[in-house]
N, C-alpha and C. Protein backbone atom coordinates (compact mmCIF):
# COMPACT_ATOMS: atom_id res chain seq x y z
N MET A 1 0.80 -1.01 -0.02
CA MET A 1 -0.02 0.12 -0.13
C MET A 1 0.95 1.37 0.05
N SER A 2 0.61 2.30 -0.88
CA SER A 2 1.42 3.29 -0.97
C SER A 2 1.12 4.43 0.22
N GLN A 3 2.14 5.17 0.64
CA GLN A 3 1.96 6.21 1.49
C GLN A 3 0.89 7.13 1.51
N GLY A 4 0.55 7.54 0.04
CA GLY A 4 -0.59 8.40 0.15
C GLY A 4 -2.08 7.34 0.29
N VAL A 5 -2.15 6.47 0.09
CA VAL A 5 -3.50 5.41 0.12
C VAL A 5 -3.54 5.15 1.52
N ARG A 6 -2.19 5.01 2.24
CA ARG A 6 -2.44 4.76 3.76
C ARG A 6 -2.65 5.81 4.65
N ALA A 7 -2.27 7.07 3.95
CA ALA A 7 -2.87 8.21 4.75
C ALA A 7 -4.20 8.60 4.61
N LEU A 8 -4.65 8.21 3.51
CA LEU A 8 -6.02 8.38 3.19
C LEU A 8 -6.94 7.39 3.84
N THR A 9 -6.29 6.13 4.15
CA THR A 9 -7.11 5.21 4.90
C THR A 9 -7.31 5.49 6.52
N ASP A 10 -6.22 6.00 6.82
CA ASP A 10 -5.81 6.48 8.08
C ASP A 10 -6.89 7.57 8.63
N LEU A 11 -6.90 8.58 7.66
CA LEU A 11 -7.68 9.93 7.34
C LEU A 11 -9.19 9.31 7.97
N THR A 12 -9.75 8.74 6.87
CA THR A 12 -10.83 8.15 6.89
C THR A 12 -11.22 7.25 8.08
N LYS A 13 -10.42 6.33 8.71
CA LYS A 13 -11.10 5.81 9.97
C LYS A 13 -10.90 6.89 11.04
N ARG A 14 -10.07 7.66 11.33
CA ARG A 14 -9.91 8.59 12.40
C ARG A 14 -11.17 9.50 12.12
N PHE A 15 -11.56 9.69 10.89
CA PHE A 15 -12.71 10.39 10.67
C PHE A 15 -14.17 9.95 10.83
N GLN A 16 -14.16 8.63 10.43
CA GLN A 16 -15.22 7.64 11.03
C GLN A 16 -15.47 7.58 12.52
N MET A 17 -14.46 7.55 13.23
CA MET A 17 -14.17 7.48 14.70
C MET A 17 -14.78 8.64 15.46
N VAL A 18 -14.44 9.82 14.77
CA VAL A 18 -14.92 11.13 15.28
C VAL A 18 -16.21 11.20 15.27
N ARG A 19 -16.85 11.01 13.96
CA ARG A 19 -18.29 11.13 13.48
C ARG A 19 -19.07 10.15 14.69
N ARG A 20 -18.58 8.76 14.89
CA ARG A 20 -19.31 8.04 15.86
C ARG A 20 -19.24 8.68 17.15
N ARG A 21 -18.15 9.32 17.57
CA ARG A 21 -18.22 9.92 19.13
C ARG A 21 -18.95 11.11 19.13
N ILE A 22 -19.06 12.08 17.87
CA ILE A 22 -20.15 13.08 17.87
C ILE A 22 -21.37 12.22 17.93
N GLU A 23 -22.01 11.58 17.15
CA GLU A 23 -23.07 10.81 17.14
C GLU A 23 -23.65 10.29 18.53
N ALA A 24 -22.39 9.61 19.47
CA ALA A 24 -22.77 9.31 20.67
C ALA A 24 -23.13 10.19 21.44
N ALA A 25 -22.24 11.39 21.63
CA ALA A 25 -22.40 12.46 22.27
C ALA A 25 -23.69 13.31 22.14
N ALA A 26 -24.20 13.14 20.88
CA ALA A 26 -25.34 13.96 20.62
C ALA A 26 -26.72 13.26 20.89
N GLU A 27 -26.38 11.84 21.05
CA GLU A 27 -27.71 10.98 21.35
C GLU A 27 -27.63 11.32 22.89
N HIS A 28 -26.45 11.07 23.51
CA HIS A 28 -26.40 11.23 24.80
C HIS A 28 -27.09 12.35 25.68
N SER A 29 -27.09 13.42 24.72
CA SER A 29 -27.35 15.03 25.12
C SER A 29 -28.59 15.23 24.56
N GLN A 30 -29.21 14.35 23.71
CA GLN A 30 -30.69 14.50 23.04
C GLN A 30 -30.59 15.71 21.90
N ARG A 31 -29.37 15.66 21.40
CA ARG A 31 -29.36 16.59 20.20
C ARG A 31 -29.19 15.90 18.98
N SER A 32 -29.31 16.67 17.75
CA SER A 32 -29.25 15.98 16.66
C SER A 32 -27.64 16.31 16.19
N PRO A 33 -27.17 14.97 15.90
CA PRO A 33 -25.74 15.13 15.22
C PRO A 33 -25.59 16.22 14.00
N ASP A 34 -26.41 16.28 13.44
CA ASP A 34 -26.42 17.46 12.04
C ASP A 34 -26.18 18.77 12.84
N LYS A 35 -26.64 18.95 14.02
CA LYS A 35 -26.48 20.37 14.39
C LYS A 35 -25.06 20.76 15.31
N ILE A 36 -24.29 19.71 14.96
CA ILE A 36 -23.15 19.65 15.75
C ILE A 36 -22.02 20.01 14.42
N THR A 37 -21.01 21.06 14.40
CA THR A 37 -20.26 21.25 13.37
C THR A 37 -18.55 20.69 14.00
N LEU A 38 -18.16 19.70 12.97
CA LEU A 38 -16.78 19.06 13.00
C LEU A 38 -15.76 20.33 12.64
N LEU A 39 -14.92 20.72 13.22
CA LEU A 39 -13.86 21.77 12.76
C LEU A 39 -12.75 21.06 12.74
N ALA A 40 -11.98 20.76 11.57
CA ALA A 40 -10.73 20.13 11.76
C ALA A 40 -9.84 20.93 11.73
N VAL A 41 -8.92 21.02 12.68
CA VAL A 41 -7.71 21.92 12.97
C VAL A 41 -6.81 21.34 11.94
N THR A 42 -6.39 22.25 10.96
CA THR A 42 -5.22 21.80 9.93
C THR A 42 -3.85 22.48 10.31
N LYS A 43 -3.61 23.01 11.29
CA LYS A 43 -2.17 23.52 11.31
C LYS A 43 -1.13 22.30 11.06
N THR A 44 -0.18 22.77 10.52
CA THR A 44 1.09 21.90 9.87
C THR A 44 0.40 20.82 9.01
N HIS A 45 -0.46 20.73 8.49
CA HIS A 45 -0.83 19.67 7.81
C HIS A 45 -0.95 20.45 6.09
N PRO A 46 -0.47 19.44 5.21
CA PRO A 46 -0.52 19.92 3.83
C PRO A 46 -1.56 20.13 3.10
N PRO A 47 -1.62 21.04 2.02
CA PRO A 47 -3.09 21.18 1.48
C PRO A 47 -3.50 19.71 0.85
N GLU A 48 -2.82 18.62 0.61
CA GLU A 48 -3.22 17.57 -0.01
C GLU A 48 -4.17 16.84 1.09
N THR A 49 -3.59 16.99 2.65
CA THR A 49 -4.42 16.43 3.41
C THR A 49 -5.64 17.11 3.48
N LEU A 50 -5.66 18.29 3.36
CA LEU A 50 -7.11 18.92 3.27
C LEU A 50 -7.92 18.62 1.98
N ARG A 51 -7.41 18.45 1.06
CA ARG A 51 -8.15 17.94 -0.15
C ARG A 51 -8.80 16.63 0.06
N GLN A 52 -8.00 15.71 0.88
CA GLN A 52 -8.49 14.45 1.33
C GLN A 52 -9.71 14.47 2.15
N ALA A 53 -9.59 15.27 3.25
CA ALA A 53 -10.56 15.95 4.29
C ALA A 53 -12.01 16.45 3.53
N LEU A 54 -11.67 17.26 2.54
CA LEU A 54 -12.70 17.65 1.64
C LEU A 54 -13.68 16.65 0.87
N ASN A 55 -12.96 15.54 0.46
CA ASN A 55 -13.32 14.43 -0.12
C ASN A 55 -14.18 13.49 0.75
N LEU A 56 -13.55 13.63 1.93
CA LEU A 56 -14.67 12.62 2.81
C LEU A 56 -15.79 13.50 3.46
N GLY A 57 -15.83 14.96 3.40
CA GLY A 57 -17.22 15.63 3.60
C GLY A 57 -16.72 16.51 4.54
N ILE A 58 -15.59 16.67 5.10
CA ILE A 58 -15.13 17.48 6.06
C ILE A 58 -14.70 19.09 5.62
N ASN A 59 -15.30 19.88 5.74
CA ASN A 59 -15.27 21.32 4.95
C ASN A 59 -15.46 22.44 5.76
N ASP A 60 -14.87 22.40 7.36
CA ASP A 60 -14.72 23.56 8.03
C ASP A 60 -13.26 23.29 8.73
N PHE A 61 -12.79 24.05 8.43
CA PHE A 61 -11.15 24.01 8.82
C PHE A 61 -10.62 25.14 9.41
N GLY A 62 -9.74 25.02 10.44
CA GLY A 62 -9.22 26.05 11.40
C GLY A 62 -7.75 25.96 11.40
N GLU A 63 -7.30 27.37 11.33
CA GLU A 63 -5.82 27.46 11.58
C GLU A 63 -5.69 28.66 12.49
N ASN A 64 -4.27 28.50 13.22
CA ASN A 64 -3.95 29.68 13.86
C ASN A 64 -3.01 30.58 13.72
N ARG A 65 -2.49 30.25 12.28
CA ARG A 65 -1.50 31.17 11.76
C ARG A 65 -2.20 31.54 10.42
N VAL A 66 -2.41 33.13 10.18
CA VAL A 66 -2.89 33.44 9.38
C VAL A 66 -2.16 33.41 7.88
N ASN A 67 -0.91 33.44 7.90
CA ASN A 67 0.12 33.27 7.00
C ASN A 67 -0.13 31.73 6.59
N GLU A 68 -0.07 30.65 7.47
CA GLU A 68 -0.15 29.38 7.02
C GLU A 68 -1.59 28.97 6.32
N ALA A 69 -2.64 29.43 6.89
CA ALA A 69 -4.19 29.46 6.22
C ALA A 69 -4.13 29.92 4.93
N GLU A 70 -3.53 31.39 4.50
CA GLU A 70 -3.66 31.93 3.25
C GLU A 70 -3.08 30.90 2.10
N GLY A 71 -2.07 30.36 2.19
CA GLY A 71 -1.61 29.64 1.25
C GLY A 71 -2.33 28.37 0.93
N LYS A 72 -3.08 27.93 2.11
CA LYS A 72 -3.73 26.89 1.70
C LYS A 72 -5.19 27.49 1.10
N ILE A 73 -5.76 28.51 1.53
CA ILE A 73 -6.95 28.92 1.10
C ILE A 73 -6.89 29.38 -0.50
N VAL A 74 -5.55 29.76 -0.84
CA VAL A 74 -5.31 30.23 -2.15
C VAL A 74 -5.05 28.80 -3.08
N GLU A 75 -4.51 27.93 -2.69
CA GLU A 75 -4.47 26.67 -3.26
C GLU A 75 -5.63 25.74 -3.57
N LEU A 76 -6.47 25.82 -2.27
CA LEU A 76 -7.68 24.78 -2.53
C LEU A 76 -8.89 25.87 -2.78
N GLY A 77 -8.82 26.85 -2.92
CA GLY A 77 -10.11 27.92 -3.14
C GLY A 77 -10.64 28.42 -1.86
N ARG A 78 -11.10 29.41 -1.70
CA ARG A 78 -11.69 30.19 -0.60
C ARG A 78 -13.10 29.54 -0.43
N ASP A 79 -13.76 29.28 -1.43
CA ASP A 79 -15.17 28.56 -1.44
C ASP A 79 -15.18 26.95 -1.20
N ALA A 80 -13.86 26.50 -1.18
CA ALA A 80 -13.83 25.16 -1.06
C ALA A 80 -14.30 24.46 0.20
N ALA A 81 -14.19 25.22 1.23
CA ALA A 81 -14.47 24.97 2.66
C ALA A 81 -14.52 26.42 3.44
N ARG A 82 -15.28 25.94 4.65
CA ARG A 82 -15.30 27.27 5.24
C ARG A 82 -14.48 27.50 6.34
N TRP A 83 -13.49 28.52 6.10
CA TRP A 83 -12.26 28.69 6.94
C TRP A 83 -12.58 29.71 8.35
């Protein structure tokens, strides 16, 4: 398995695990999981990882350094995600 495929598989598994935890927490608090926003912290991750996240349905990204975010926004597109 190539490194890129492995990384996508790992990201997919982690995303599924987080979604299950969100669903369980929502159920426990009698909330709809659809009303909970998953914010992916993308600090230090390359644009390719963000592309993979977008393909999985993750479209809310957070950065704490504007200069790092700007490059990713330019590369991926301002409308590709909610930044």
